């Protein structure tokens, strides 16, 4: 069985995208669907390559039962366009960076992550790095909603099959 390869992308890969990777990973494990997926995250900038997630992101995620402490930041590389089926950008800046670097045959793979949570009324997951704890909680709320929406779309379109069917 071919796995659905998903890559979450933000700027430094220490706050938003590892949070999304952790939340989505937890969700697919809870639904016994992890075997359908290969999940990763990356940053468009190399500021934090090799670093653990921001301690505030780790703490906020941990309080919701999501362990991201084992993740390490990496920079997005051009090969990711070929390797991943879904490249989910956290905001407009990262979407623009990805789009401008992307070869034409792969442009369809790039989407805003929050497009899977249209009820939130925004495409932007705000960067909580320079804010307080509330920003990390807000990011988690948004990421949880988009993770549910993304997984539901994959199930509804038949991209993956639920084990309960």
Protein backbone atom coordinates (compact mmCIF):
# COMPACT_ATOMS: atom_id res chain seq x y z
CA UNK A 1 0.00 0.00 0.00
CA UNK A 2 1.32 3.41 -0.99
CA UNK A 3 1.35 5.90 1.88
CA UNK A 4 -0.05 9.41 1.66
CA UNK A 5 2.97 11.66 2.19
CA UNK A 6 2.19 14.89 4.04
CA UNK A 7 4.60 17.74 4.78
CA UNK A 8 3.71 20.68 7.04
CA UNK A 9 5.73 23.84 6.38
CA UNK A 10 6.33 27.04 8.35
CA UNK A 11 9.30 29.39 8.55
CA UNK A 12 11.70 27.89 11.09
CA UNK A 13 10.13 24.48 11.75
CA UNK A 14 10.11 24.94 15.54
CA UNK A 15 6.56 26.15 16.29
CA UNK A 16 3.72 25.76 13.82
CA UNK A 17 4.80 22.97 11.49
CA UNK A 18 6.08 20.58 14.19
CA UNK A 19 2.87 21.27 16.10
CA UNK A 20 0.88 20.34 12.98
CA UNK A 21 3.02 17.24 12.46
CA UNK A 22 2.44 16.15 16.05
CA UNK A 23 -1.29 16.88 16.11
CA UNK A 24 -1.94 15.16 12.78
CA UNK A 25 0.19 12.17 13.77
CA UNK A 26 -1.74 11.81 17.03
CA UNK A 27 -5.06 12.07 15.19
CA UNK A 28 -4.26 9.36 12.65
CA UNK A 29 -2.98 7.08 15.43
CA UNK A 30 -6.19 7.61 17.43
CA UNK A 31 -8.23 6.63 14.38
CA UNK A 32 -5.98 3.65 13.64
CA UNK A 33 -4.98 5.13 10.28
CA UNK A 34 -1.27 5.78 10.85
CA UNK A 35 -0.29 2.99 8.46
CA UNK A 36 -1.74 5.09 5.61
CA UNK A 37 0.62 8.02 6.19
CA UNK A 38 4.15 9.33 6.09
CA UNK A 39 4.15 12.65 7.99
CA UNK A 40 6.92 15.24 8.31
CA UNK A 41 7.50 18.97 8.75
CA UNK A 42 10.04 21.49 7.50
CA UNK A 43 10.86 25.18 7.46
CA UNK A 44 11.44 27.50 4.53
CA UNK A 45 14.37 29.06 6.41
CA UNK A 46 17.42 27.38 7.95
CA UNK A 47 17.46 29.38 11.20
CA UNK A 48 16.85 26.40 13.48
CA UNK A 49 18.06 23.32 11.58
CA UNK A 50 18.63 20.50 14.07
CA UNK A 51 16.87 22.28 16.93
CA UNK A 52 14.07 20.82 19.01
CA UNK A 53 10.68 22.52 18.84
CA UNK A 54 10.25 25.76 20.79
CA UNK A 55 9.79 24.83 24.45
CA UNK A 56 6.52 26.78 24.57
CA UNK A 57 5.19 24.79 21.60
CA UNK A 58 6.30 21.56 23.29
CA UNK A 59 4.60 22.53 26.54
CA UNK A 60 1.32 23.59 24.93
CA UNK A 61 1.20 20.47 22.75
CA UNK A 62 2.11 18.24 25.69
CA UNK A 63 -0.78 19.62 27.71
CA UNK A 64 -3.05 18.28 24.95
CA UNK A 65 -1.38 14.89 24.85
CA UNK A 66 0.78 15.61 21.81
CA UNK A 67 4.48 14.81 22.16
CA UNK A 68 6.67 16.76 19.73
CA UNK A 69 9.85 16.66 21.84
CA UNK A 70 11.54 14.12 19.55
CA UNK A 71 11.16 16.25 16.42
CA UNK A 72 14.08 18.27 15.01
CA UNK A 73 13.89 21.21 12.64
CA UNK A 74 14.93 20.78 9.06
CA UNK A 75 14.90 23.06 6.04
CA UNK A 76 12.59 22.39 3.13
CA UNK A 77 14.57 21.07 0.16
CA UNK A 78 13.64 20.97 -3.52
CA UNK A 79 13.36 17.17 -3.40
CA UNK A 80 10.39 17.58 -1.05
CA UNK A 81 8.31 18.69 -4.05
CA UNK A 82 8.76 15.23 -5.54
CA UNK A 83 8.69 13.27 -2.29
CA UNK A 84 5.45 14.63 -0.80
CA UNK A 85 1.91 14.50 -2.11
CA UNK A 86 0.61 17.25 0.17
CA UNK A 87 2.71 20.28 1.10
CA UNK A 88 0.70 22.30 3.60
CA UNK A 89 1.84 25.88 4.24
CA UNK A 90 1.07 27.63 7.50
CA UNK A 91 0.78 31.15 6.05
CA UNK A 92 0.99 33.34 2.97
CA UNK A 93 4.70 34.06 3.24
CA UNK A 94 5.60 30.38 3.30
CA UNK A 95 3.04 29.60 0.61
CA UNK A 96 4.66 32.24 -1.63
CA UNK A 97 8.18 30.92 -0.97
CA UNK A 98 7.10 27.37 -1.77
CA UNK A 99 5.15 28.42 -4.86
CA UNK A 100 8.00 30.47 -6.29
CA UNK A 101 10.46 27.58 -5.92
CA UNK A 102 8.12 24.83 -7.06
CA UNK A 103 8.45 23.21 -10.48
CA UNK A 104 5.20 23.49 -12.44
CA UNK A 105 4.31 19.76 -12.33
CA UNK A 106 4.17 19.88 -8.52
CA UNK A 107 2.35 23.17 -7.86
CA UNK A 108 -0.92 21.36 -7.22
CA UNK A 109 0.63 19.81 -4.09
CA UNK A 110 0.97 23.14 -2.25
CA UNK A 111 -2.01 24.27 -0.19
CA UNK A 112 -2.74 26.41 2.81
CA UNK A 113 -3.24 24.06 5.76
CA UNK A 114 -6.15 26.15 7.05
CA UNK A 115 -8.05 25.65 3.79
CA UNK A 116 -9.11 22.41 5.52
CA UNK A 117 -10.77 24.45 8.27
CA UNK A 118 -12.75 27.05 6.31
CA UNK A 119 -15.00 27.76 9.29
CA UNK A 120 -12.04 29.53 10.92
CA UNK A 121 -12.29 32.30 8.31
CA UNK A 122 -8.54 32.61 7.68
CA UNK A 123 -5.77 30.90 5.76
CA UNK A 124 -3.03 32.05 8.13
CA UNK A 125 -1.79 30.13 11.15
CA UNK A 126 -0.19 33.03 13.07
CA UNK A 127 3.41 32.66 14.14
CA UNK A 128 3.37 32.46 17.96
CA UNK A 129 7.16 32.82 18.31
CA UNK A 130 7.20 36.43 19.52
CA UNK A 131 4.03 36.21 21.61
CA UNK A 132 2.94 34.63 24.84
CA UNK A 133 1.42 31.29 25.76
CA UNK A 134 -1.98 32.26 24.32
CA UNK A 135 -0.49 32.27 20.82
CA UNK A 136 0.57 28.65 21.13
CA UNK A 137 -2.89 27.65 22.38
CA UNK A 138 -4.48 29.47 19.46
CA UNK A 139 -2.16 27.70 17.02
CA UNK A 140 -3.13 24.34 18.55
CA UNK A 141 -6.84 25.13 18.20
CA UNK A 142 -6.37 26.01 14.53
CA UNK A 143 -4.12 23.04 13.80
CA UNK A 144 -6.52 20.62 15.47
CA UNK A 145 -9.41 21.94 13.36
CA UNK A 146 -7.42 21.77 10.11
CA UNK A 147 -6.10 18.29 10.94
CA UNK A 148 -9.66 17.01 11.38
CA UNK A 149 -10.74 18.70 8.15
CA UNK A 150 -7.78 17.37 6.18
CA UNK A 151 -8.24 13.81 7.41
CA UNK A 152 -11.99 13.94 6.80
CA UNK A 153 -11.40 15.14 3.23
CA UNK A 154 -8.98 12.29 2.57
CA UNK A 155 -11.57 9.83 3.88
CA UNK A 156 -14.49 11.41 2.02
CA UNK A 157 -12.66 11.49 -1.30
CA UNK A 158 -11.50 7.90 -0.89
CA UNK A 159 -7.83 8.84 -0.83
CA UNK A 160 -7.61 6.63 2.24
CA UNK A 161 -10.00 4.02 3.55
CA UNK A 162 -11.11 3.83 7.15
CA UNK A 163 -10.49 0.51 8.87
CA UNK A 164 -14.13 0.60 10.01
CA UNK A 165 -15.57 0.44 6.51
